[in-house]
PDB file of N, CA and C in Angstrom:
ATOM      1  N   MET A   1    -193.472 -29.569  40.811  1.00  0.00           N
ATOM      2  CA  MET A   1    -193.280 -28.946  42.188  1.00  0.00           C
ATOM      3  C   MET A   1    -194.252 -29.545  43.178  1.00  0.00           C
ATOM      4  N   ILE A   2    -193.828 -30.327  44.064  1.00  0.00           N
ATOM      5  CA  ILE A   2    -194.645 -31.114  45.018  1.00  0.00           C
ATOM      6  C   ILE A   2    -194.444 -30.341  46.372  1.00  0.00           C
ATOM      7  N   LEU A   3    -195.592 -29.927  46.982  1.00  0.00           N
ATOM      8  CA  LEU A   3    -195.505 -29.196  48.240  1.00  0.00           C
ATOM      9  C   LEU A   3    -196.237 -29.974  49.313  1.00  0.00           C
ATOM     10  N   ASN A   4    -195.433 -30.304  50.389  1.00  0.00           N
ATOM     11  CA  ASN A   4    -196.179 -30.852  51.553  1.00  0.00           C
ATOM     12  C   ASN A   4    -196.486 -29.594  52.357  1.00  0.00           C
ATOM     13  N   ASN A   5    -197.159 -29.820  53.572  1.00  0.00           N
ATOM     14  CA  ASN A   5    -197.602 -28.599  54.359  1.00  0.00           C
ATOM     15  C   ASN A   5    -196.484 -27.701  54.773  1.00  0.00           C
ATOM     16  N   LYS A   6    -195.382 -28.216  55.147  1.00  0.00           N
ATOM     17  CA  LYS A   6    -194.227 -27.426  55.561  1.00  0.00           C
ATOM     18  C   LYS A   6    -193.684 -26.578  54.433  1.00  0.00           C
ATOM     19  N   ASN A   7    -193.492 -27.244  53.239  1.00  0.00           N
ATOM     20  CA  ASN A   7    -193.039 -26.603  52.063  1.00  0.00           C
ATOM     21  C   ASN A   7    -193.998 -25.524  51.595  1.00  0.00           C
ATOM     22  N   ARG A   8    -195.207 -25.847  51.687  1.00  0.00           N
ATOM     23  CA  ARG A   8    -196.293 -24.931  51.185  1.00  0.00           C
ATOM     24  C   ARG A   8    -196.213 -23.677  52.061  1.00  0.00           C
ATOM     25  N   ARG A   9    -196.157 -23.779  53.276  1.00  0.00           N
ATOM     26  CA  ARG A   9    -196.095 -22.612  54.212  1.00  0.00           C
ATOM     27  C   ARG A   9    -194.867 -21.756  53.848  1.00  0.00           C
ATOM     28  N   ARG A  10    -193.822 -22.334  53.620  1.00  0.00           N
ATOM     29  CA  ARG A  10    -192.535 -21.624  53.294  1.00  0.00           C
ATOM     30  C   ARG A  10    -192.701 -20.988  51.948  1.00  0.00           C
ATOM     31  N   PHE A  11    -193.337 -21.614  51.020  1.00  0.00           N
ATOM     32  CA  PHE A  11    -193.576 -21.084  49.668  1.00  0.00           C
ATOM     33  C   PHE A  11    -194.486 -19.865  49.736  1.00  0.00           C
ATOM     34  N   GLU A  12    -195.588 -19.934  50.564  1.00  0.00           N
ATOM     35  CA  GLU A  12    -196.459 -18.845  50.793  1.00  0.00           C
ATOM     36  C   GLU A  12    -195.790 -17.749  51.453  1.00  0.00           C
ATOM     37  N   GLU A  13    -194.893 -17.976  52.475  1.00  0.00           N
ATOM     38  CA  GLU A  13    -194.238 -16.937  53.124  1.00  0.00           C
ATOM     39  C   GLU A  13    -193.357 -16.220  52.205  1.00  0.00           C
ATOM     40  N   LEU A  14    -192.595 -16.870  51.315  1.00  0.00           N
ATOM     41  CA  LEU A  14    -191.772 -16.298  50.346  1.00  0.00           C
ATOM     42  C   LEU A  14    -192.543 -15.387  49.409  1.00  0.00           C
ATOM     43  N   LEU A  15    -193.656 -15.828  48.921  1.00  0.00           N
ATOM     44  CA  LEU A  15    -194.548 -15.072  48.020  1.00  0.00           C
ATOM     45  C   LEU A  15    -195.033 -13.739  48.717  1.00  0.00           C
ATOM     46  N   ILE A  16    -195.549 -13.946  49.943  1.00  0.00           N
ATOM     47  CA  ILE A  16    -196.065 -12.792  50.643  1.00  0.00           C
ATOM     48  C   ILE A  16    -195.060 -11.798  51.005  1.00  0.00           C
ATOM     49  N   THR A  17    -193.843 -12.291  51.366  1.00  0.00           N
ATOM     50  CA  THR A  17    -192.797 -11.310  51.660  1.00  0.00           C
ATOM     51  C   THR A  17    -192.370 -10.477  50.418  1.00  0.00           C
ATOM     52  N   LYS A  18    -192.162 -11.203  49.257  1.00  0.00           N
ATOM     53  CA  LYS A  18    -191.870 -10.601  48.057  1.00  0.00           C
ATOM     54  C   LYS A  18    -192.982  -9.557  47.609  1.00  0.00           C
ATOM     55  N   ALA A  19    -194.224  -9.975  47.769  1.00  0.00           N
ATOM     56  CA  ALA A  19    -195.367  -9.155  47.457  1.00  0.00           C
ATOM     57  C   ALA A  19    -195.387  -7.880  48.310  1.00  0.00           C
ATOM     58  N   PHE A  20    -194.997  -7.939  49.610  1.00  0.00           N
ATOM     59  CA  PHE A  20    -194.988  -6.714  50.364  1.00  0.00           C
ATOM     60  C   PHE A  20    -193.791  -5.856  49.967  1.00  0.00           C
ATOM     61  N   GLN A  21    -192.686  -6.376  49.538  1.00  0.00           N
ATOM     62  CA  GLN A  21    -191.463  -5.597  49.198  1.00  0.00           C
ATOM     63  C   GLN A  21    -191.554  -5.072  47.765  1.00  0.00           C
ATOM     64  N   ASP A  22    -192.328  -5.695  46.883  1.00  0.00           N
ATOM     65  CA  ASP A  22    -192.290  -5.287  45.439  1.00  0.00           C
ATOM     66  C   ASP A  22    -193.657  -5.151  44.942  1.00  0.00           C
ATOM     67  N   ILE A  23    -194.161  -3.915  44.806  1.00  0.00           N
ATOM     68  CA  ILE A  23    -195.546  -3.614  44.334  1.00  0.00           C
ATOM     69  C   ILE A  23    -195.758  -4.201  42.980  1.00  0.00           C
ATOM     70  N   SER A  24    -194.850  -4.204  42.057  1.00  0.00           N
ATOM     71  CA  SER A  24    -195.138  -4.675  40.654  1.00  0.00           C
ATOM     72  C   SER A  24    -195.267  -6.217  40.721  1.00  0.00           C
ATOM     73  N   PHE A  25    -194.435  -6.805  41.620  1.00  0.00           N
ATOM     74  CA  PHE A  25    -194.632  -8.306  41.739  1.00  0.00           C
ATOM     75  C   PHE A  25    -195.969  -8.599  42.378  1.00  0.00           C
ATOM     76  N   ARG A  26    -196.420  -7.841  43.338  1.00  0.00           N
ATOM     77  CA  ARG A  26    -197.691  -7.997  43.994  1.00  0.00           C
ATOM     78  C   ARG A  26    -198.728  -7.926  42.882  1.00  0.00           C
ATOM     79  N   ARG A  27    -198.762  -6.873  42.130  1.00  0.00           N
ATOM     80  CA  ARG A  27    -199.713  -6.736  41.020  1.00  0.00           C
ATOM     81  C   ARG A  27    -199.754  -7.943  40.136  1.00  0.00           C
ATOM     82  N   GLU A  28    -198.605  -8.318  39.665  1.00  0.00           N
ATOM     83  CA  GLU A  28    -198.460  -9.481  38.764  1.00  0.00           C
ATOM     84  C   GLU A  28    -198.981 -10.782  39.413  1.00  0.00           C
ATOM     85  N   LEU A  29    -198.627 -10.881  40.721  1.00  0.00           N
ATOM     86  CA  LEU A  29    -199.130 -12.133  41.434  1.00  0.00           C
ATOM     87  C   LEU A  29    -200.611 -12.203  41.440  1.00  0.00           C
ATOM     88  N   ILE A  30    -201.293 -11.034  41.631  1.00  0.00           N
ATOM     89  CA  ILE A  30    -202.764 -11.063  41.686  1.00  0.00           C
ATOM     90  C   ILE A  30    -203.334 -11.203  40.268  1.00  0.00           C
ATOM     91  N   GLU A  31    -202.677 -10.643  39.279  1.00  0.00           N
ATOM     92  CA  GLU A  31    -203.279 -10.611  37.883  1.00  0.00           C
ATOM     93  C   GLU A  31    -202.919 -11.904  37.199  1.00  0.00           C
ATOM     94  N   ASN A  32    -201.668 -12.410  37.300  1.00  0.00           N
ATOM     95  CA  ASN A  32    -201.298 -13.608  36.694  1.00  0.00           C
ATOM     96  C   ASN A  32    -200.370 -14.486  37.603  1.00  0.00           C
ATOM     97  N   PRO A  33    -200.834 -15.153  38.593  1.00  0.00           N
ATOM     98  CA  PRO A  33    -200.170 -15.831  39.504  1.00  0.00           C
ATOM     99  C   PRO A  33    -199.191 -16.875  39.054  1.00  0.00           C
ATOM    100  N   LYS A  34    -199.547 -17.634  38.015  1.00  0.00           N
ATOM    101  CA  LYS A  34    -198.610 -18.652  37.501  1.00  0.00           C
ATOM    102  C   LYS A  34    -197.425 -18.076  36.897  1.00  0.00           C
ATOM    103  N   MET A  35    -197.608 -17.002  36.098  1.00  0.00           N
ATOM    104  CA  MET A  35    -196.395 -16.307  35.434  1.00  0.00           C
ATOM    105  C   MET A  35    -195.490 -15.750  36.565  1.00  0.00           C
ATOM    106  N   ALA A  36    -196.109 -15.046  37.517  1.00  0.00           N
ATOM    107  CA  ALA A  36    -195.300 -14.397  38.565  1.00  0.00           C
ATOM    108  C   ALA A  36    -194.518 -15.450  39.420  1.00  0.00           C
ATOM    109  N   ILE A  37    -195.106 -16.604  39.655  1.00  0.00           N
ATOM    110  CA  ILE A  37    -194.481 -17.678  40.435  1.00  0.00           C
ATOM    111  C   ILE A  37    -193.391 -18.248  39.559  1.00  0.00           C
ATOM    112  N   ALA A  38    -193.706 -18.539  38.328  1.00  0.00           N
ATOM    113  CA  ALA A  38    -192.702 -19.083  37.395  1.00  0.00           C
ATOM    114  C   ALA A  38    -191.426 -18.217  37.281  1.00  0.00           C
ATOM    115  N   GLU A  39    -191.693 -16.888  37.203  1.00  0.00           N
ATOM    116  CA  GLU A  39    -190.544 -15.944  37.065  1.00  0.00           C
ATOM    117  C   GLU A  39    -189.757 -15.897  38.329  1.00  0.00           C
ATOM    118  N   TYR A  40    -190.491 -15.834  39.473  1.00  0.00           N
ATOM    119  CA  TYR A  40    -189.735 -15.608  40.736  1.00  0.00           C
ATOM    120  C   TYR A  40    -189.020 -16.836  41.171  1.00  0.00           C
ATOM    121  N   PHE A  41    -189.620 -18.054  41.054  1.00  0.00           N
ATOM    122  CA  PHE A  41    -189.009 -19.296  41.491  1.00  0.00           C
ATOM    123  C   PHE A  41    -188.206 -20.032  40.512  1.00  0.00           C
ATOM    124  N   GLY A  42    -188.334 -19.563  39.202  1.00  0.00           N
ATOM    125  CA  GLY A  42    -187.760 -20.315  38.088  1.00  0.00           C
ATOM    126  C   GLY A  42    -188.327 -21.670  37.770  1.00  0.00           C
ATOM    127  N   VAL A  43    -189.635 -21.796  38.002  1.00  0.00           N
ATOM    128  CA  VAL A  43    -190.308 -23.085  37.865  1.00  0.00           C
ATOM    129  C   VAL A  43    -191.465 -22.913  36.911  1.00  0.00           C
ATOM    130  N   GLN A  44    -191.887 -23.974  36.327  1.00  0.00           N
ATOM    131  CA  GLN A  44    -193.116 -23.991  35.470  1.00  0.00           C
ATOM    132  C   GLN A  44    -194.102 -24.834  36.181  1.00  0.00           C
ATOM    133  N   LEU A  45    -195.260 -24.399  36.486  1.00  0.00           N
ATOM    134  CA  LEU A  45    -196.237 -25.102  37.194  1.00  0.00           C
ATOM    135  C   LEU A  45    -197.037 -25.866  36.168  1.00  0.00           C
ATOM    136  N   PRO A  46    -197.555 -27.081  36.542  1.00  0.00           N
ATOM    137  CA  PRO A  46    -198.295 -27.879  35.604  1.00  0.00           C
ATOM    138  C   PRO A  46    -199.555 -27.071  35.017  1.00  0.00           C
ATOM    139  N   VAL A  47    -199.857 -27.414  33.752  1.00  0.00           N
ATOM    140  CA  VAL A  47    -201.023 -26.717  33.124  1.00  0.00           C
ATOM    141  C   VAL A  47    -202.280 -26.957  33.862  1.00  0.00           C
ATOM    142  N   ASP A  48    -202.498 -28.113  34.570  1.00  0.00           N
ATOM    143  CA  ASP A  48    -203.715 -28.425  35.158  1.00  0.00           C
ATOM    144  C   ASP A  48    -203.823 -27.891  36.564  1.00  0.00           C
ATOM    145  N   ILE A  49    -202.876 -27.172  37.130  1.00  0.00           N
ATOM    146  CA  ILE A  49    -202.893 -26.462  38.375  1.00  0.00           C
ATOM    147  C   ILE A  49    -203.381 -25.092  38.186  1.00  0.00           C
ATOM    148  N   GLU A  50    -204.391 -24.689  38.982  1.00  0.00           N
ATOM    149  CA  GLU A  50    -204.956 -23.352  38.957  1.00  0.00           C
ATOM    150  C   GLU A  50    -204.522 -22.661  40.276  1.00  0.00           C
ATOM    151  N   ILE A  51    -204.068 -21.457  40.127  1.00  0.00           N
ATOM    152  CA  ILE A  51    -203.689 -20.652  41.369  1.00  0.00           C
ATOM    153  C   ILE A  51    -204.573 -19.431  41.441  1.00  0.00           C
ATOM    154  N   LYS A  52    -205.167 -19.170  42.527  1.00  0.00           N
ATOM    155  CA  LYS A  52    -205.954 -17.905  42.717  1.00  0.00           C
ATOM    156  C   LYS A  52    -205.379 -17.185  43.960  1.00  0.00           C
ATOM    157  N   VAL A  53    -205.220 -15.947  43.686  1.00  0.00           N
ATOM    158  CA  VAL A  53    -204.618 -15.005  44.764  1.00  0.00           C
ATOM    159  C   VAL A  53    -205.701 -14.005  45.190  1.00  0.00           C
ATOM    160  N   LEU A  54    -205.954 -14.022  46.454  1.00  0.00           N
ATOM    161  CA  LEU A  54    -206.969 -13.127  46.996  1.00  0.00           C
ATOM    162  C   LEU A  54    -206.241 -12.116  47.955  1.00  0.00           C
ATOM    163  N   GLN A  55    -206.714 -10.927  47.921  1.00  0.00           N
ATOM    164  CA  GLN A  55    -206.087  -9.916  48.824  1.00  0.00           C
ATOM    165  C   GLN A  55    -207.083  -9.530  49.854  1.00  0.00           C
ATOM    166  N   GLU A  56    -206.776  -9.621  51.093  1.00  0.00           N
ATOM    167  CA  GLU A  56    -207.559  -9.326  52.141  1.00  0.00           C
ATOM    168  C   GLU A  56    -207.638  -7.652  52.287  1.00  0.00           C
ATOM    169  N   ASP A  57    -208.672  -7.230  52.960  1.00  0.00           N
ATOM    170  CA  ASP A  57    -208.703  -5.852  53.288  1.00  0.00           C
ATOM    171  C   ASP A  57    -209.174  -5.688  54.714  1.00  0.00           C
ATOM    172  N   LYS A  58    -209.449  -4.494  55.202  1.00  0.00           N
ATOM    173  CA  LYS A  58    -209.807  -4.286  56.611  1.00  0.00           C
ATOM    174  C   LYS A  58    -210.991  -5.074  57.063  1.00  0.00           C
ATOM    175  N   LYS A  59    -211.950  -5.305  56.132  1.00  0.00           N
ATOM    176  CA  LYS A  59    -213.165  -5.873  56.511  1.00  0.00           C
ATOM    177  C   LYS A  59    -213.438  -7.265  56.015  1.00  0.00           C
ATOM    178  N   VAL A  60    -212.457  -7.770  55.227  1.00  0.00           N
ATOM    179  CA  VAL A  60    -212.680  -9.169  54.621  1.00  0.00           C
ATOM    180  C   VAL A  60    -211.392  -9.934  54.913  1.00  0.00           C
ATOM    181  N   LEU A  61    -211.541 -11.089  55.584  1.00  0.00           N
ATOM    182  CA  LEU A  61    -210.455 -11.952  55.905  1.00  0.00           C
ATOM    183  C   LEU A  61    -210.772 -13.337  55.253  1.00  0.00           C
ATOM    184  N   TYR A  62    -209.784 -14.036  54.768  1.00  0.00           N
ATOM    185  CA  TYR A  62    -209.966 -15.326  54.184  1.00  0.00           C
ATOM    186  C   TYR A  62    -209.342 -16.456  54.944  1.00  0.00           C
ATOM    187  N   VAL A  63    -209.975 -17.564  55.069  1.00  0.00           N
ATOM    188  CA  VAL A  63    -209.425 -18.764  55.693  1.00  0.00           C
ATOM    189  C   VAL A  63    -209.371 -19.832  54.572  1.00  0.00           C
ATOM    190  N   VAL A  64    -208.265 -20.365  54.378  1.00  0.00           N
ATOM    191  CA  VAL A  64    -208.074 -21.391  53.294  1.00  0.00           C
ATOM    192  C   VAL A  64    -207.860 -22.718  54.041  1.00  0.00           C
ATOM    193  N   LEU A  65    -208.739 -23.638  53.638  1.00  0.00           N
ATOM    194  CA  LEU A  65    -208.598 -25.019  54.112  1.00  0.00           C
ATOM    195  C   LEU A  65    -207.842 -25.792  53.092  1.00  0.00           C
ATOM    196  N   PRO A  66    -206.641 -26.347  53.400  1.00  0.00           N
ATOM    197  CA  PRO A  66    -205.957 -27.090  52.485  1.00  0.00           C
ATOM    198  C   PRO A  66    -206.567 -28.346  52.034  1.00  0.00           C
ATOM    199  N   TYR A  67    -206.233 -28.769  50.867  1.00  0.00           N
ATOM    200  CA  TYR A  67    -206.747 -30.090  50.316  1.00  0.00           C
ATOM    201  C   TYR A  67    -206.235 -31.183  51.299  1.00  0.00           C
ATOM    202  N   LEU A  68    -207.159 -32.178  51.524  1.00  0.00           N
ATOM    203  CA  LEU A  68    -206.779 -33.313  52.402  1.00  0.00           C
ATOM    204  C   LEU A  68    -205.911 -34.291  51.745  1.00  0.00           C
TER     205      LEU A  68
END
């Protein structure tokens, strides 16, 4: 799975939308993101790719700078 900036934004939008609609998916995405993504998109991510999911709250916001 190769993601350029446009594809990555769409990918993230789909994940966020699903996580808002499905609390069990949200929990799985936080606890085991690779498995949740594999099941939802029907893809297997490479072993050497690590995915971290962070959840903001009222007092903590995250800014993610993409890899150059």
